[in-house]
């Protein structure tokens, strides 16, 4: 009986892998650095201990240390540690992905605010009162203020009218609306 091999993606790889190429996203640099240190410190200590005990001339010891540590570190230790620590390395991206997939309703919204202390805080408090979570925010400077763009996770029953009211209450503006493909796009401009 011939069994057809099917690639099995489980857990983390299934959630984060690219649909096209199958690669995982790049892990944060500080986590990669800590994983590399975790791989290299025991390797360095072991190789140094063995080289120091060896009865070889000093230049040969240095050469052996350099070659052994480099080869073992690059081709054995780091890939092994990356496989073993995969869930820890990609934990931030996994948390972000789960927040997006668990969100009952996703909205994109933007508000025009005065560039003054507390303006963004008023908007976030107004959204929090409606149990709306800000998943992402991008701030654009404008000559007369700032344009804040949000990715929002809202409760399932929240209507566009209530979301606009929350944004308007926080921004103190008069809403203007438009649609962006796939996502509702809301705009709130401050009243003057």
Protein backbone atom coordinates (compact mmCIF):
# COMPACT_ATOMS: atom_id res chain seq x y z
CA UNK A 1 0.00 0.00 0.00
CA UNK A 2 1.41 3.37 -1.00
CA UNK A 3 0.58 6.28 1.23
CA UNK A 4 0.60 9.74 -0.15
CA UNK A 5 2.59 12.10 2.03
CA UNK A 6 0.72 15.22 2.97
CA UNK A 7 2.53 18.08 4.63
CA UNK A 8 1.35 18.48 8.19
CA UNK A 9 1.33 21.94 9.66
CA UNK A 10 0.45 22.01 13.30
CA UNK A 11 0.09 24.67 15.94
CA UNK A 12 2.25 27.71 15.52
CA UNK A 13 3.35 26.99 11.96
CA UNK A 14 -0.24 26.59 10.80
CA UNK A 15 -1.27 29.91 12.32
CA UNK A 16 1.66 32.10 11.27
CA UNK A 17 3.06 30.54 8.10
CA UNK A 18 2.66 32.42 4.85
CA UNK A 19 -0.02 30.85 2.63
CA UNK A 20 2.19 31.23 -0.44
CA UNK A 21 5.71 30.24 0.64
CA UNK A 22 5.09 28.58 4.04
CA UNK A 23 7.73 30.65 5.86
CA UNK A 24 7.22 32.04 9.32
CA UNK A 25 7.51 35.80 9.84
CA UNK A 26 10.80 37.19 11.11
CA UNK A 27 10.98 37.02 14.89
CA UNK A 28 11.78 40.20 16.88
CA UNK A 29 15.52 40.93 17.00
CA UNK A 30 15.78 40.94 20.79
CA UNK A 31 14.23 37.47 20.97
CA UNK A 32 16.56 36.18 18.25
CA UNK A 33 19.53 37.58 20.16
CA UNK A 34 18.48 35.88 23.39
CA UNK A 35 17.94 32.58 21.56
CA UNK A 36 21.40 32.87 19.98
CA UNK A 37 22.96 33.52 23.38
CA UNK A 38 21.12 30.51 24.81
CA UNK A 39 22.59 28.39 22.01
CA UNK A 40 26.12 29.76 22.03
CA UNK A 41 27.01 30.04 25.73
CA UNK A 42 26.90 26.29 26.50
CA UNK A 43 28.62 25.55 23.19
CA UNK A 44 31.40 28.08 23.89
CA UNK A 45 31.95 26.74 27.40
CA UNK A 46 32.15 23.13 26.21
CA UNK A 47 34.49 23.83 23.29
CA UNK A 48 36.72 26.09 25.42
CA UNK A 49 36.96 23.45 28.16
CA UNK A 50 37.94 20.76 25.65
CA UNK A 51 40.44 23.02 23.86
CA UNK A 52 42.12 24.19 27.06
CA UNK A 53 42.64 20.59 28.22
CA UNK A 54 44.09 19.58 24.84
CA UNK A 55 47.88 19.41 24.54
CA UNK A 56 48.22 21.63 21.46
CA UNK A 57 50.19 24.78 20.61
CA UNK A 58 48.32 28.03 21.30
CA UNK A 59 47.77 29.06 17.63
CA UNK A 60 46.28 25.63 16.89
CA UNK A 61 44.00 25.90 19.95
CA UNK A 62 42.76 29.29 18.75
CA UNK A 63 42.15 27.90 15.25
CA UNK A 64 40.31 24.84 16.61
CA UNK A 65 38.20 27.03 18.92
CA UNK A 66 37.29 29.41 16.11
CA UNK A 67 36.41 26.76 13.53
CA UNK A 68 34.59 24.41 15.93
CA UNK A 69 32.54 27.14 17.57
CA UNK A 70 31.64 28.77 14.26
CA UNK A 71 30.64 25.55 12.51
CA UNK A 72 28.75 24.10 15.46
CA UNK A 73 27.08 27.40 16.28
CA UNK A 74 25.96 28.33 12.78
CA UNK A 75 24.95 24.90 11.48
CA UNK A 76 23.91 22.98 14.59
CA UNK A 77 23.13 25.05 17.68
CA UNK A 78 21.26 28.07 16.28
CA UNK A 79 18.88 26.14 14.00
CA UNK A 80 18.16 23.66 16.80
CA UNK A 81 17.44 26.41 19.31
CA UNK A 82 15.23 28.23 16.79
CA UNK A 83 13.19 25.05 16.34
CA UNK A 84 12.99 24.39 20.09
CA UNK A 85 12.12 28.00 20.95
CA UNK A 86 9.85 28.64 17.94
CA UNK A 87 6.73 29.33 20.01
CA UNK A 88 8.63 31.76 22.26
CA UNK A 89 10.34 33.50 19.33
CA UNK A 90 7.05 34.10 17.51
CA UNK A 91 4.87 34.74 20.57
CA UNK A 92 4.28 38.47 19.84
CA UNK A 93 3.14 37.79 16.26
CA UNK A 94 1.01 34.87 17.44
CA UNK A 95 -0.69 37.02 20.11
CA UNK A 96 -1.39 39.72 17.53
CA UNK A 97 -2.80 37.17 15.05
CA UNK A 98 -5.04 35.62 17.71
CA UNK A 99 -6.32 39.05 18.76
CA UNK A 100 -7.28 39.72 15.16
CA UNK A 101 -8.92 36.35 14.57
CA UNK A 102 -10.77 36.40 17.91
CA UNK A 103 -12.19 39.86 17.27
CA UNK A 104 -15.94 39.67 16.68
CA UNK A 105 -15.96 42.75 14.42
CA UNK A 106 -13.03 44.65 12.94
CA UNK A 107 -13.26 48.28 11.90
CA UNK A 108 -10.85 50.79 10.42
CA UNK A 109 -11.45 54.33 11.54
CA UNK A 110 -9.66 57.64 11.47
CA UNK A 111 -10.01 60.85 13.40
CA UNK A 112 -8.66 64.33 12.82
CA UNK A 113 -7.49 65.74 16.14
CA UNK A 114 -5.89 68.90 17.40
CA UNK A 115 -2.22 68.26 18.16
CA UNK A 116 -2.48 68.87 21.89
CA UNK A 117 -2.01 66.82 25.05
CA UNK A 118 -5.00 64.66 25.97
CA UNK A 119 -6.67 64.64 22.52
CA UNK A 120 -5.90 60.98 21.83
CA UNK A 121 -6.73 60.08 25.43
CA UNK A 122 -10.27 61.44 24.99
CA UNK A 123 -10.78 59.26 21.92
CA UNK A 124 -9.43 56.13 23.60
CA UNK A 125 -11.64 56.67 26.65
CA UNK A 126 -14.72 57.17 24.45
CA UNK A 127 -13.90 53.93 22.62
CA UNK A 128 -13.28 52.07 25.89
CA UNK A 129 -16.72 53.09 27.17
CA UNK A 130 -18.21 51.23 24.19
CA UNK A 131 -15.94 48.20 24.92
CA UNK A 132 -13.94 48.83 21.73
CA UNK A 133 -10.32 47.67 21.71
CA UNK A 134 -7.65 49.47 19.65
CA UNK A 135 -5.55 46.81 17.90
CA UNK A 136 -3.40 49.21 15.92
CA UNK A 137 -2.88 52.93 15.60
CA UNK A 138 -0.94 55.03 13.10
CA UNK A 139 -0.52 58.77 13.55
CA UNK A 140 0.00 61.16 10.62
CA UNK A 141 1.09 64.75 11.23
CA UNK A 142 -0.90 67.39 9.38
CA UNK A 143 -0.34 71.16 9.23
CA UNK A 144 -3.44 71.81 11.35
CA UNK A 145 -3.37 68.75 13.66
CA UNK A 146 -3.00 64.99 13.37
CA UNK A 147 -4.81 62.21 11.54
CA UNK A 148 -5.05 59.06 13.68
CA UNK A 149 -5.88 55.80 11.88
CA UNK A 150 -7.09 52.90 14.01
CA UNK A 151 -7.77 49.20 13.61
CA UNK A 152 -10.55 48.51 16.09
CA UNK A 153 -12.01 45.34 17.56
CA UNK A 154 -15.62 45.98 18.51
CA UNK A 155 -18.33 43.89 20.17
CA UNK A 156 -20.42 41.96 17.68
CA UNK A 157 -23.58 44.04 18.07
CA UNK A 158 -21.91 47.45 17.73
CA UNK A 159 -23.43 49.51 14.93
CA UNK A 160 -21.70 52.03 12.71
CA UNK A 161 -23.80 54.77 14.30
CA UNK A 162 -22.59 53.89 17.83
CA UNK A 163 -18.98 53.68 16.66
CA UNK A 164 -19.26 57.08 14.97
CA UNK A 165 -20.86 58.50 18.11
CA UNK A 166 -17.98 57.21 20.23
CA UNK A 167 -15.39 58.64 17.85
CA UNK A 168 -17.27 61.91 17.55
CA UNK A 169 -17.60 62.17 21.33
CA UNK A 170 -13.88 61.62 21.77
CA UNK A 171 -12.78 63.86 18.90
CA UNK A 172 -15.48 66.47 19.37
CA UNK A 173 -16.17 66.50 15.66
CA UNK A 174 -18.80 66.07 12.98
CA UNK A 175 -18.56 62.69 11.25
CA UNK A 176 -18.01 62.25 7.55
CA UNK A 177 -18.15 58.75 6.07
CA UNK A 178 -16.77 56.80 3.18
CA UNK A 179 -16.22 53.13 2.37
CA UNK A 180 -12.99 51.30 1.77
CA UNK A 181 -13.19 47.84 0.14
CA UNK A 182 -13.58 45.00 2.67
CA UNK A 183 -13.54 47.22 5.75
CA UNK A 184 -15.91 49.95 6.82
CA UNK A 185 -13.98 53.23 6.91
CA UNK A 186 -15.16 55.94 9.24
CA UNK A 187 -13.88 59.49 9.42
CA UNK A 188 -14.48 61.99 12.20
CA UNK A 189 -13.39 65.63 11.81
CA UNK A 190 -13.33 68.02 14.75
CA UNK A 191 -15.97 70.74 14.76
CA UNK A 192 -14.60 74.27 14.87
